[in-house]
Every structure is written in structure tokens, then in C-alpha cells.
């Protein structure tokens, strides 16, 4: 692809997202929901690369599913994914009362008691349901500020849109830039703060290998390393839709920190514990896992990099 073609595609992508944030939030909510469900069904019917990858990933989560069942799951998965986008485009206009009404989280005491202890808390989530809505609930209902990390997107204007969107929801957003982000996150935790990280897919190709649905995947080491370095609690969170307008969630107990072994061994054990918690939530609600990329090592390219 030439530079000019790439620039044009980038401007078009940025413009479409801008249109989404500008137009979708003005639609009546039932109309927006129907529109995005229709978009999901049309995308699913085309059987493009993203749909086929989602179906392939779901086949690992539900290994005994028939082809018909996998097709049903992938269709429901695309509807769930488009619901995420519909809600995200509308979230900046939601009142605190609407945000609170849109989510019901179990076992919140794990988080509030952890924060009260004063050593900081790291929330780690997989790509389940709407993690942005969960973040907005934390800042508006619990009234707890937090810091997160965003993958740099192309074009830069699109990344800027996402940063502005999440900052508008009350989040501090750092670029995914290795050591610089890690140092800032560690400082926030030492001050007793909250960090939220989506942590079921490694973006660096240098993460921790874990057993995930019977095969080897790679997940980021950052959450476990931050917990070890700062003494913060590391808590998995899982989210799901239940067929209503309300998203559900659960805050799991903190992952134990091993007292023995090398740092690499402790990091591996803690990341595996996260993976196990993620797998439990995904297995219960596979249609809400928005993993449209390659994840398992034997699905990656020969260099071991995500594609």
C-alpha cells in the first residue's frame, strides 16, 4: 500500500469514527440499538476475516460446539461487539444516573476495601462486553479516578479521539510506550491509586506464556510486575451482557502474590491466575468476548507476532 493510499485510509477511518461520535449519540437509544444490531448482522453475513477469526477463537472456548452453534455464537458475538461501539459513541452524553443504571457489578467490596488499605489496586480485564462503561462507572458512581493505557492507533488523529473520549469519561490515559508508562503507573499505585488495564492480549510479543483454554497464549507481564514492584493488589474483573439494557460485572478477589521463586516465576504464576479468572468469565459468556485478533501462539505468524 502506498503512503498516499495509507494516508487516505487513515483519514477515512478517522472521519468515520468522528461521524460515529457526532451522530450516533443524537439518535434515540432504541433506534441506535437497532441500527448497530443490523450492522452487526450484515458484517457477520459477509464472513470477513474478523468474523472468521472470532469464530476460530470461539472454537477454542467452546471446543465441543457444532458448526451451527459456532455460527450462532459468532453472530451473537458481533452483536455484542457492535453494542460496545454503540454504547461507546453514546457514553459521553450519558448522565451519572444513566451510567449507574447501565451496569450492575457484584463484589465491589473487593475493590473498595483494597483501595481503603492504601497500597493501590490494579484492575485487569479481558476484552469482555464494555470496559469503557465499567471505567465510567468507577469514576462517576464510585468517584474513584484511575489511570489506564491506550494502544497507539493510526492515524494519530484517531488515537487523539480515543484519548479525548476516555479522558472525557474521567480517566487518565497514557500511551502504550513501555517503560515510560510503567513508571507513571507505578507512581500512581504507590500513592494508593487505581490502575485499570485490559490484559488478555499481549501487544509487545514479549509477554508471559499462559495456558488458556488448553493451548498456549501470551499475556502482558505488566499487571503482575506492577503488583510485585509496588505491593498493589491485582484483581481480575469480568463483564458480560445478560440480554437486557444492563451490563453485569464481577470483581474477583485479588490474585495471590507468591512469596518464593524468581521474579519471572512469580510473574508467570500471577499472570496464569489472571488467565484462569479471564477464562472462567469468557467460558460463561463467550459471545461477549470481543477477540477478533489472533491470540494463541500456534495462530500467530512464524515470528510469533500478532497479525
C-alpha atoms as a PDB file:
ATOM      1  CA  UNK A   1       0.000   0.000   0.000  1.00  0.00           C
ATOM      2  CA  UNK A   2       1.419   3.386  -0.971  1.00  0.00           C
ATOM      3  CA  UNK A   3       1.882   6.174   1.558  1.00  0.00           C
ATOM      4  CA  UNK A   4      -0.818   8.218  -0.150  1.00  0.00           C
ATOM      5  CA  UNK A   5      -3.298   5.341  -0.055  1.00  0.00           C
ATOM      6  CA  UNK A   6      -2.458   4.682   3.587  1.00  0.00           C
ATOM      7  CA  UNK A   7      -2.970   8.348   4.480  1.00  0.00           C
ATOM      8  CA  UNK A   8      -6.319   8.377   2.673  1.00  0.00           C
ATOM      9  CA  UNK A   9      -7.443   5.234   4.507  1.00  0.00           C
ATOM     10  CA  UNK A  10      -6.354   6.778   7.793  1.00  0.00           C
ATOM     11  CA  UNK A  11      -8.280   9.993   7.156  1.00  0.00           C
ATOM     12  CA  UNK A  12     -11.349   7.993   6.126  1.00  0.00           C
ATOM     13  CA  UNK A  13     -11.158   5.840   9.277  1.00  0.00           C
ATOM     14  CA  UNK A  14     -10.756   8.902  11.472  1.00  0.00           C
ATOM     15  CA  UNK A  15     -13.663  10.616   9.739  1.00  0.00           C
ATOM     16  CA  UNK A  16     -15.940   7.608  10.224  1.00  0.00           C
ATOM     17  CA  UNK A  17     -15.184   7.475  13.939  1.00  0.00           C
ATOM     18  CA  UNK A  18     -15.785  11.204  14.157  1.00  0.00           C
ATOM     19  CA  UNK A  19     -19.134  10.723  12.435  1.00  0.00           C
ATOM     20  CA  UNK A  20     -19.998   7.975  14.913  1.00  0.00           C
ATOM     21  CA  UNK A  21     -19.275  10.106  17.953  1.00  0.00           C
ATOM     22  CA  UNK A  22     -21.048  13.067  16.386  1.00  0.00           C
ATOM     23  CA  UNK A  23     -24.182  11.408  15.002  1.00  0.00           C
ATOM     24  CA  UNK A  24     -24.910   8.224  16.940  1.00  0.00           C
ATOM     25  CA  UNK A  25     -25.136   9.970  20.292  1.00  0.00           C
ATOM     26  CA  UNK A  26     -28.007  12.103  18.941  1.00  0.00           C
ATOM     27  CA  UNK A  27     -30.155   9.133  17.928  1.00  0.00           C
ATOM     28  CA  UNK A  28     -32.869   7.820  20.248  1.00  0.00           C
ATOM     29  CA  UNK A  29     -31.362   4.872  22.096  1.00  0.00           C
ATOM     30  CA  UNK A  30     -33.748   2.209  20.694  1.00  0.00           C
ATOM     31  CA  UNK A  31     -33.014   3.477  17.166  1.00  0.00           C
ATOM     32  CA  UNK A  32     -29.259   3.337  17.756  1.00  0.00           C
ATOM     33  CA  UNK A  33     -29.536  -0.177  19.188  1.00  0.00           C
ATOM     34  CA  UNK A  34     -31.490  -1.429  16.143  1.00  0.00           C
ATOM     35  CA  UNK A  35     -29.051   0.255  13.755  1.00  0.00           C
ATOM     36  CA  UNK A  36     -25.997  -1.352  15.306  1.00  0.00           C
ATOM     37  CA  UNK A  37     -27.676  -4.752  15.528  1.00  0.00           C
ATOM     38  CA  UNK A  38     -28.382  -4.502  11.793  1.00  0.00           C
ATOM     39  CA  UNK A  39     -24.766  -3.515  11.117  1.00  0.00           C
ATOM     40  CA  UNK A  40     -23.586  -6.488  13.180  1.00  0.00           C
ATOM     41  CA  UNK A  41     -25.771  -8.917  11.211  1.00  0.00           C
ATOM     42  CA  UNK A  42     -24.590  -7.524   7.875  1.00  0.00           C
ATOM     43  CA  UNK A  43     -20.936  -7.779   8.881  1.00  0.00           C
ATOM     44  CA  UNK A  44     -21.490 -11.311  10.155  1.00  0.00           C
ATOM     45  CA  UNK A  45     -23.166 -12.403   6.903  1.00  0.00           C
ATOM     46  CA  UNK A  46     -20.161 -11.249   4.857  1.00  0.00           C
ATOM     47  CA  UNK A  47     -17.916 -13.751   6.714  1.00  0.00           C
ATOM     48  CA  UNK A  48     -14.890 -11.485   6.536  1.00  0.00           C
ATOM     49  CA  UNK A  49     -11.536 -12.041   8.257  1.00  0.00           C
ATOM     50  CA  UNK A  50     -12.621 -10.594  11.593  1.00  0.00           C
ATOM     51  CA  UNK A  51     -15.726 -12.781  11.793  1.00  0.00           C
ATOM     52  CA  UNK A  52     -13.784 -15.895  10.816  1.00  0.00           C
ATOM     53  CA  UNK A  53     -11.094 -15.101  13.393  1.00  0.00           C
ATOM     54  CA  UNK A  54     -13.742 -14.571  16.081  1.00  0.00           C
ATOM     55  CA  UNK A  55     -15.292 -17.915  15.187  1.00  0.00           C
ATOM     56  CA  UNK A  56     -11.901 -19.614  15.291  1.00  0.00           C
ATOM     57  CA  UNK A  57     -11.211 -18.163  18.730  1.00  0.00           C
ATOM     58  CA  UNK A  58     -14.649 -19.191  19.975  1.00  0.00           C
ATOM     59  CA  UNK A  59     -13.982 -22.745  18.771  1.00  0.00           C
ATOM     60  CA  UNK A  60     -11.226 -22.937  21.401  1.00  0.00           C
ATOM     61  CA  UNK A  61     -13.507 -21.585  24.104  1.00  0.00           C
ATOM     62  CA  UNK A  62     -16.342 -23.991  23.220  1.00  0.00           C
ATOM     63  CA  UNK A  63     -14.452 -26.951  21.700  1.00  0.00           C
ATOM     64  CA  UNK A  64     -17.479 -29.247  21.526  1.00  0.00           C
ATOM     65  CA  UNK A  65     -19.655 -26.729  19.676  1.00  0.00           C
ATOM     66  CA  UNK A  66     -21.103 -27.782  16.343  1.00  0.00           C
ATOM     67  CA  UNK A  67     -20.541 -25.576  13.279  1.00  0.00           C
ATOM     68  CA  UNK A  68     -24.111 -24.336  13.687  1.00  0.00           C
ATOM     69  CA  UNK A  69     -23.501 -23.448  17.340  1.00  0.00           C
ATOM     70  CA  UNK A  70     -20.268 -21.636  16.457  1.00  0.00           C
ATOM     71  CA  UNK A  71     -22.116 -19.647  13.821  1.00  0.00           C
ATOM     72  CA  UNK A  72     -24.744 -18.685  16.403  1.00  0.00           C
ATOM     73  CA  UNK A  73     -22.034 -17.642  18.851  1.00  0.00           C
ATOM     74  CA  UNK A  74     -20.151 -15.572  16.292  1.00  0.00           C
ATOM     75  CA  UNK A  75     -23.353 -13.809  15.250  1.00  0.00           C
ATOM     76  CA  UNK A  76     -24.151 -13.048  18.895  1.00  0.00           C
ATOM     77  CA  UNK A  77     -20.512 -12.005  19.298  1.00  0.00           C
ATOM     78  CA  UNK A  78     -20.742  -9.444  16.512  1.00  0.00           C
ATOM     79  CA  UNK A  79     -23.958  -8.084  18.012  1.00  0.00           C
ATOM     80  CA  UNK A  80     -22.198  -7.778  21.367  1.00  0.00           C
ATOM     81  CA  UNK A  81     -19.223  -6.062  19.735  1.00  0.00           C
ATOM     82  CA  UNK A  82     -21.441  -3.577  17.926  1.00  0.00           C
ATOM     83  CA  UNK A  83     -23.338  -2.925  21.150  1.00  0.00           C
ATOM     84  CA  UNK A  84     -19.973  -1.968  22.654  1.00  0.00           C
ATOM     85  CA  UNK A  85     -19.442   0.585  19.872  1.00  0.00           C
ATOM     86  CA  UNK A  86     -22.986   1.915  20.081  1.00  0.00           C
ATOM     87  CA  UNK A  87     -22.634   2.461  23.823  1.00  0.00           C
ATOM     88  CA  UNK A  88     -19.168   3.950  23.448  1.00  0.00           C
ATOM     89  CA  UNK A  89     -20.333   6.508  20.909  1.00  0.00           C
ATOM     90  CA  UNK A  90     -23.144   7.498  23.289  1.00  0.00           C
ATOM     91  CA  UNK A  91     -21.303   7.354  26.626  1.00  0.00           C
ATOM     92  CA  UNK A  92     -20.078  10.984  26.546  1.00  0.00           C
ATOM     93  CA  UNK A  93     -23.719  12.136  26.703  1.00  0.00           C
ATOM     94  CA  UNK A  94     -24.808   9.764  29.475  1.00  0.00           C
ATOM     95  CA  UNK A  95     -25.583  11.299  32.840  1.00  0.00           C
ATOM     96  CA  UNK A  96     -24.149   9.777  36.030  1.00  0.00           C
ATOM     97  CA  UNK A  97     -27.609   8.350  36.692  1.00  0.00           C
ATOM     98  CA  UNK A  98     -27.718   6.701  33.242  1.00  0.00           C
ATOM     99  CA  UNK A  99     -24.251   5.211  33.726  1.00  0.00           C
ATOM    100  CA  UNK A 100     -25.227   3.813  37.123  1.00  0.00           C
ATOM    101  CA  UNK A 101     -28.439   2.351  35.662  1.00  0.00           C
ATOM    102  CA  UNK A 102     -26.484   0.712  32.840  1.00  0.00           C
ATOM    103  CA  UNK A 103     -24.234  -1.502  34.948  1.00  0.00           C
ATOM    104  CA  UNK A 104     -24.563  -3.844  37.923  1.00  0.00           C
ATOM    105  CA  UNK A 105     -21.298  -5.008  39.496  1.00  0.00           C
ATOM    106  CA  UNK A 106     -21.019  -7.786  42.070  1.00  0.00           C
ATOM    107  CA  UNK A 107     -18.450  -7.974  44.878  1.00  0.00           C
ATOM    108  CA  UNK A 108     -17.495  -4.306  44.727  1.00  0.00           C
ATOM    109  CA  UNK A 109     -16.193  -4.648  48.273  1.00  0.00           C
ATOM    110  CA  UNK A 110     -13.017  -6.274  46.955  1.00  0.00           C
ATOM    111  CA  UNK A 111     -12.163  -3.022  45.193  1.00  0.00           C
ATOM    112  CA  UNK A 112     -13.299  -0.558  47.846  1.00  0.00           C
ATOM    113  CA  UNK A 113     -11.601  -2.445  50.679  1.00  0.00           C
ATOM    114  CA  UNK A 114      -8.443  -2.767  48.617  1.00  0.00           C
ATOM    115  CA  UNK A 115      -8.341   0.964  47.965  1.00  0.00           C
ATOM    116  CA  UNK A 116      -9.045   1.702  51.619  1.00  0.00           C
ATOM    117  CA  UNK A 117      -5.957  -0.337  52.531  1.00  0.00           C
ATOM    118  CA  UNK A 118      -3.915   2.370  50.783  1.00  0.00           C
ATOM    119  CA  UNK A 119      -1.466   0.266  48.764  1.00  0.00           C
ATOM    120  CA  UNK A 120      -3.115   0.756  45.379  1.00  0.00           C
ATOM    121  CA  UNK A 121      -5.180  -1.593  43.227  1.00  0.00           C
ATOM    122  CA  UNK A 122      -4.639  -2.907  39.703  1.00  0.00           C
ATOM    123  CA  UNK A 123      -7.802  -3.972  37.882  1.00  0.00           C
ATOM    124  CA  UNK A 124      -7.145  -6.351  34.974  1.00  0.00           C
ATOM    125  CA  UNK A 125      -9.863  -7.134  32.435  1.00  0.00           C
ATOM    126  CA  UNK A 126     -10.233  -9.189  29.263  1.00  0.00           C
ATOM    127  CA  UNK A 127     -11.985  -7.789  26.169  1.00  0.00           C
ATOM    128  CA  UNK A 128     -15.413  -8.679  27.574  1.00  0.00           C
ATOM    129  CA  UNK A 129     -18.525  -6.523  26.992  1.00  0.00           C
ATOM    130  CA  UNK A 130     -17.863  -2.792  27.539  1.00  0.00           C
ATOM    131  CA  UNK A 131     -14.785  -1.974  29.613  1.00  0.00           C
ATOM    132  CA  UNK A 132     -15.247   1.750  28.882  1.00  0.00           C
ATOM    133  CA  UNK A 133     -18.659   1.683  30.558  1.00  0.00           C
ATOM    134  CA  UNK A 134     -17.096  -0.092  33.539  1.00  0.00           C
ATOM    135  CA  UNK A 135     -14.476   2.662  33.709  1.00  0.00           C
ATOM    136  CA  UNK A 136     -17.119   5.381  33.533  1.00  0.00           C
ATOM    137  CA  UNK A 137     -18.969   3.665  36.396  1.00  0.00           C
ATOM    138  CA  UNK A 138     -15.798   3.700  38.520  1.00  0.00           C
ATOM    139  CA  UNK A 139     -15.263   7.435  38.025  1.00  0.00           C
ATOM    140  CA  UNK A 140     -18.908   8.526  38.307  1.00  0.00           C
ATOM    141  CA  UNK A 141     -20.549   6.142  40.784  1.00  0.00           C
ATOM    142  CA  UNK A 142     -17.581   5.132  42.953  1.00  0.00           C
ATOM    143  CA  UNK A 143     -15.999   8.560  42.322  1.00  0.00           C
ATOM    144  CA  UNK A 144     -12.553   6.988  42.073  1.00  0.00           C
ATOM    145  CA  UNK A 145     -10.144   8.383  39.453  1.00  0.00           C
ATOM    146  CA  UNK A 146      -7.907   5.890  37.693  1.00  0.00           C
ATOM    147  CA  UNK A 147      -5.161   5.600  35.119  1.00  0.00           C
ATOM    148  CA  UNK A 148      -5.150   3.357  32.066  1.00  0.00           C
ATOM    149  CA  UNK A 149      -3.029   2.723  28.978  1.00  0.00           C
ATOM    150  CA  UNK A 150      -4.146   3.037  25.342  1.00  0.00           C
ATOM    151  CA  UNK A 151      -2.583   1.390  22.330  1.00  0.00           C
ATOM    152  CA  UNK A 152      -1.339   3.950  19.821  1.00  0.00           C
ATOM    153  CA  UNK A 153      -3.586   3.936  16.758  1.00  0.00           C
ATOM    154  CA  UNK A 154      -3.054   5.182  13.224  1.00  0.00           C
ATOM    155  CA  UNK A 155      -3.678   7.837  12.192  1.00  0.00           C
ATOM    156  CA  UNK A 156      -2.589   9.900  15.193  1.00  0.00           C
ATOM    157  CA  UNK A 157      -5.825  11.891  14.996  1.00  0.00           C
ATOM    158  CA  UNK A 158      -7.789   8.707  15.670  1.00  0.00           C
ATOM    159  CA  UNK A 159      -5.638   7.956  18.728  1.00  0.00           C
ATOM    160  CA  UNK A 160      -6.253  11.526  19.894  1.00  0.00           C
ATOM    161  CA  UNK A 161     -10.002  10.979  19.543  1.00  0.00           C
ATOM    162  CA  UNK A 162      -9.861   7.885  21.744  1.00  0.00           C
ATOM    163  CA  UNK A 163      -7.724   9.631  24.356  1.00  0.00           C
ATOM    164  CA  UNK A 164     -10.078  12.628  24.443  1.00  0.00           C
ATOM    165  CA  UNK A 165     -13.087  10.297  24.676  1.00  0.00           C
ATOM    166  CA  UNK A 166     -11.676   8.340  27.629  1.00  0.00           C
ATOM    167  CA  UNK A 167     -10.366  11.435  29.377  1.00  0.00           C
ATOM    168  CA  UNK A 168     -13.858  12.890  28.998  1.00  0.00           C
ATOM    169  CA  UNK A 169     -15.125   9.888  30.984  1.00  0.00           C
ATOM    170  CA  UNK A 170     -12.736  10.764  33.821  1.00  0.00           C
ATOM    171  CA  UNK A 171      -9.775   8.512  33.019  1.00  0.00           C
ATOM    172  CA  UNK A 172      -6.086   9.420  32.887  1.00  0.00           C
ATOM    173  CA  UNK A 173      -4.800   7.845  29.655  1.00  0.00           C
ATOM    174  CA  UNK A 174      -1.148   7.007  28.991  1.00  0.00           C
ATOM    175  CA  UNK A 175       0.237   5.849  25.640  1.00  0.00           C
ATOM    176  CA  UNK A 176       1.340   2.228  25.401  1.00  0.00           C
ATOM    177  CA  UNK A 177       5.030   3.110  25.311  1.00  0.00           C
ATOM    178  CA  UNK A 178       6.840   0.632  27.505  1.00  0.00           C
ATOM    179  CA  UNK A 179       8.972   1.902  30.372  1.00  0.00           C
ATOM    180  CA  UNK A 180       7.633   5.461  30.480  1.00  0.00           C
ATOM    181  CA  UNK A 181       4.066   4.275  31.027  1.00  0.00           C
ATOM    182  CA  UNK A 182       5.207   1.647  33.540  1.00  0.00           C
ATOM    183  CA  UNK A 183       6.971   4.234  35.683  1.00  0.00           C
ATOM    184  CA  UNK A 184       3.934   6.507  35.796  1.00  0.00           C
ATOM    185  CA  UNK A 185       1.635   3.602  36.652  1.00  0.00           C
ATOM    186  CA  UNK A 186       3.958   2.560  39.484  1.00  0.00           C
ATOM    187  CA  UNK A 187       3.899   6.088  40.908  1.00  0.00           C
ATOM    188  CA  UNK A 188       0.107   6.167  40.831  1.00  0.00           C
ATOM    189  CA  UNK A 189      -0.045   2.852  42.702  1.00  0.00           C
ATOM    190  CA  UNK A 190       2.484   3.904  45.347  1.00  0.00           C
ATOM    191  CA  UNK A 191       0.238   6.878  46.008  1.00  0.00           C
ATOM    192  CA  UNK A 192      -2.634   4.463  46.699  1.00  0.00           C
ATOM    193  CA  UNK A 193      -4.292   4.936  43.313  1.00  0.00           C
ATOM    194  CA  UNK A 194      -6.225   2.715  40.925  1.00  0.00           C
ATOM    195  CA  UNK A 195      -4.921   1.346  37.618  1.00  0.00           C
ATOM    196  CA  UNK A 196      -7.173  -0.394  35.060  1.00  0.00           C
ATOM    197  CA  UNK A 197      -5.617  -2.469  32.267  1.00  0.00           C
ATOM    198  CA  UNK A 198      -7.123  -4.628  29.524  1.00  0.00           C
ATOM    199  CA  UNK A 199      -4.807  -7.605  29.823  1.00  0.00           C
ATOM    200  CA  UNK A 200      -5.845 -10.640  27.770  1.00  0.00           C
ATOM    201  CA  UNK A 201      -3.707  -9.941  24.687  1.00  0.00           C
ATOM    202  CA  UNK A 202      -0.009  -9.100  24.626  1.00  0.00           C
ATOM    203  CA  UNK A 203       0.901  -6.235  22.300  1.00  0.00           C
ATOM    204  CA  UNK A 204       4.669  -6.456  22.697  1.00  0.00           C
ATOM    205  CA  UNK A 205       5.321 -10.074  21.613  1.00  0.00           C
ATOM    206  CA  UNK A 206       7.353 -10.397  24.822  1.00  0.00           C
ATOM    207  CA  UNK A 207       4.647 -11.225  27.337  1.00  0.00           C
ATOM    208  CA  UNK A 208       4.120 -14.189  29.618  1.00  0.00           C
ATOM    209  CA  UNK A 209       3.116 -17.556  28.197  1.00  0.00           C
ATOM    210  CA  UNK A 210      -0.010 -18.964  29.845  1.00  0.00           C
ATOM    211  CA  UNK A 211      -2.249 -21.970  29.402  1.00  0.00           C
ATOM    212  CA  UNK A 212      -5.550 -20.641  28.077  1.00  0.00           C
ATOM    213  CA  UNK A 213      -8.369 -22.956  27.070  1.00  0.00           C
ATOM    214  CA  UNK A 214      -5.929 -25.821  26.666  1.00  0.00           C
ATOM    215  CA  UNK A 215      -3.350 -24.075  24.477  1.00  0.00           C
ATOM    216  CA  UNK A 216      -0.533 -21.576  24.957  1.00  0.00           C
ATOM    217  CA  UNK A 217      -1.223 -17.868  24.655  1.00  0.00           C
ATOM    218  CA  UNK A 218       0.809 -14.824  25.612  1.00  0.00           C
ATOM    219  CA  UNK A 219      -0.492 -12.179  28.003  1.00  0.00           C
ATOM    220  CA  UNK A 220       1.142  -8.965  29.215  1.00  0.00           C
ATOM    221  CA  UNK A 221       3.508  -9.155  32.180  1.00  0.00           C
ATOM    222  CA  UNK A 222       2.812  -5.560  33.248  1.00  0.00           C
ATOM    223  CA  UNK A 223      -0.020  -6.165  35.756  1.00  0.00           C
ATOM    224  CA  UNK A 224       1.917  -8.797  37.711  1.00  0.00           C
ATOM    225  CA  UNK A 225       5.165  -6.811  37.560  1.00  0.00           C
ATOM    226  CA  UNK A 226       3.435  -3.666  38.815  1.00  0.00           C
ATOM    227  CA  UNK A 227       1.892  -5.588  41.717  1.00  0.00           C
ATOM    228  CA  UNK A 228       5.259  -7.027  42.724  1.00  0.00           C
ATOM    229  CA  UNK A 229       7.106  -3.729  42.437  1.00  0.00           C
ATOM    230  CA  UNK A 230       4.561  -1.613  44.328  1.00  0.00           C
ATOM    231  CA  UNK A 231       2.735  -4.019  46.646  1.00  0.00           C
ATOM    232  CA  UNK A 232      -0.588  -3.147  44.993  1.00  0.00           C
ATOM    233  CA  UNK A 233      -3.410  -5.680  44.851  1.00  0.00           C
ATOM    234  CA  UNK A 234      -4.060  -7.296  41.464  1.00  0.00           C
ATOM    235  CA  UNK A 235      -7.762  -8.008  40.856  1.00  0.00           C
ATOM    236  CA  UNK A 236      -9.356  -9.646  37.807  1.00  0.00           C
ATOM    237  CA  UNK A 237     -12.697  -8.262  36.617  1.00  0.00           C
ATOM    238  CA  UNK A 238     -15.096  -9.941  34.202  1.00  0.00           C
ATOM    239  CA  UNK A 239     -18.043  -8.312  32.406  1.00  0.00           C
ATOM    240  CA  UNK A 240     -20.993  -9.567  30.389  1.00  0.00           C
ATOM    241  CA  UNK A 241     -24.318  -8.607  28.852  1.00  0.00           C
ATOM    242  CA  UNK A 242     -27.399 -10.501  30.060  1.00  0.00           C
ATOM    243  CA  UNK A 243     -29.906  -9.757  27.304  1.00  0.00           C
ATOM    244  CA  UNK A 244     -31.172  -6.562  28.931  1.00  0.00           C
ATOM    245  CA  UNK A 245     -30.004  -2.963  28.746  1.00  0.00           C
ATOM    246  CA  UNK A 246     -27.842  -3.552  31.825  1.00  0.00           C
ATOM    247  CA  UNK A 247     -24.255  -4.803  31.702  1.00  0.00           C
ATOM    248  CA  UNK A 248     -23.171  -7.089  34.527  1.00  0.00           C
ATOM    249  CA  UNK A 249     -19.768  -7.381  36.121  1.00  0.00           C
ATOM    250  CA  UNK A 250     -17.852  -9.128  38.879  1.00  0.00           C
ATOM    251  CA  UNK A 251     -14.765  -8.015  40.779  1.00  0.00           C
ATOM    252  CA  UNK A 252     -12.794 -11.110  41.721  1.00  0.00           C
ATOM    253  CA  UNK A 253     -10.613 -11.484  44.831  1.00  0.00           C
ATOM    254  CA  UNK A 254      -7.027 -10.301  44.469  1.00  0.00           C
ATOM    255  CA  UNK A 255      -4.559 -12.698  42.870  1.00  0.00           C
ATOM    256  CA  UNK A 256      -2.140 -14.111  45.405  1.00  0.00           C
ATOM    257  CA  UNK A 257       1.465 -12.941  45.255  1.00  0.00           C
ATOM    258  CA  UNK A 258       3.910 -15.872  45.555  1.00  0.00           C
ATOM    259  CA  UNK A 259       6.456 -15.488  48.329  1.00  0.00           C
ATOM    260  CA  UNK A 260       9.063 -17.723  46.726  1.00  0.00           C
ATOM    261  CA  UNK A 261      10.685 -18.071  43.324  1.00  0.00           C
ATOM    262  CA  UNK A 262      12.363 -15.674  40.941  1.00  0.00           C
ATOM    263  CA  UNK A 263      10.620 -12.553  39.720  1.00  0.00           C
ATOM    264  CA  UNK A 264       9.959 -14.285  36.401  1.00  0.00           C
ATOM    265  CA  UNK A 265       8.438 -17.282  38.185  1.00  0.00           C
ATOM    266  CA  UNK A 266       6.233 -15.078  40.362  1.00  0.00           C
ATOM    267  CA  UNK A 267       5.152 -13.079  37.313  1.00  0.00           C
ATOM    268  CA  UNK A 268       4.293 -16.275  35.458  1.00  0.00           C
ATOM    269  CA  UNK A 269       2.211 -17.616  38.355  1.00  0.00           C
ATOM    270  CA  UNK A 270       0.275 -14.362  38.808  1.00  0.00           C
ATOM    271  CA  UNK A 271      -0.378 -13.964  35.082  1.00  0.00           C
ATOM    272  CA  UNK A 272      -1.608 -17.550  34.898  1.00  0.00           C
ATOM    273  CA  UNK A 273      -4.003 -16.802  37.768  1.00  0.00           C
ATOM    274  CA  UNK A 274      -5.330 -13.823  35.771  1.00  0.00           C
ATOM    275  CA  UNK A 275      -5.710 -16.012  32.690  1.00  0.00           C
ATOM    276  CA  UNK A 276      -7.671 -18.574  34.698  1.00  0.00           C
ATOM    277  CA  UNK A 277     -10.055 -15.893  36.011  1.00  0.00           C
ATOM    278  CA  UNK A 278     -10.470 -14.490  32.499  1.00  0.00           C
ATOM    279  CA  UNK A 279     -11.150 -17.966  31.120  1.00  0.00           C
ATOM    280  CA  UNK A 280     -13.885 -18.544  33.673  1.00  0.00           C
ATOM    281  CA  UNK A 281     -15.682 -15.350  32.686  1.00  0.00           C
ATOM    282  CA  UNK A 282     -15.229 -15.956  28.970  1.00  0.00           C
ATOM    283  CA  UNK A 283     -16.461 -19.547  29.201  1.00  0.00           C
ATOM    284  CA  UNK A 284     -19.649 -18.350  30.924  1.00  0.00           C
ATOM    285  CA  UNK A 285     -20.278 -15.625  28.313  1.00  0.00           C
ATOM    286  CA  UNK A 286     -18.281 -16.475  25.167  1.00  0.00           C
ATOM    287  CA  UNK A 287     -20.442 -14.275  22.931  1.00  0.00           C
ATOM    288  CA  UNK A 288     -19.286 -11.188  24.846  1.00  0.00           C
ATOM    289  CA  UNK A 289     -15.563 -11.795  24.314  1.00  0.00           C
ATOM    290  CA  UNK A 290     -14.533  -9.326  21.611  1.00  0.00           C
ATOM    291  CA  UNK A 291     -11.358 -11.070  20.477  1.00  0.00           C
ATOM    292  CA  UNK A 292     -11.253 -10.536  16.718  1.00  0.00           C
ATOM    293  CA  UNK A 293      -7.468 -10.957  16.503  1.00  0.00           C
ATOM    294  CA  UNK A 294      -5.089 -13.883  16.735  1.00  0.00           C
ATOM    295  CA  UNK A 295      -4.212 -14.778  20.308  1.00  0.00           C
ATOM    296  CA  UNK A 296      -2.821 -18.289  20.685  1.00  0.00           C
ATOM    297  CA  UNK A 297       0.814 -18.868  19.771  1.00  0.00           C
ATOM    298  CA  UNK A 298       0.053 -21.504  17.155  1.00  0.00           C
ATOM    299  CA  UNK A 299      -2.198 -18.973  15.396  1.00  0.00           C
ATOM    300  CA  UNK A 300       0.485 -16.277  15.180  1.00  0.00           C
ATOM    301  CA  UNK A 301       2.821 -15.741  12.250  1.00  0.00           C
ATOM    302  CA  UNK A 302       6.187 -17.601  12.193  1.00  0.00           C
ATOM    303  CA  UNK A 303       7.904 -14.729  14.026  1.00  0.00           C
ATOM    304  CA  UNK A 304       5.452 -15.125  16.912  1.00  0.00           C
ATOM    305  CA  UNK A 305       3.926 -11.698  16.337  1.00  0.00           C
ATOM    306  CA  UNK A 306       0.229 -10.776  16.386  1.00  0.00           C
ATOM    307  CA  UNK A 307      -1.320 -10.165  12.954  1.00  0.00           C
END
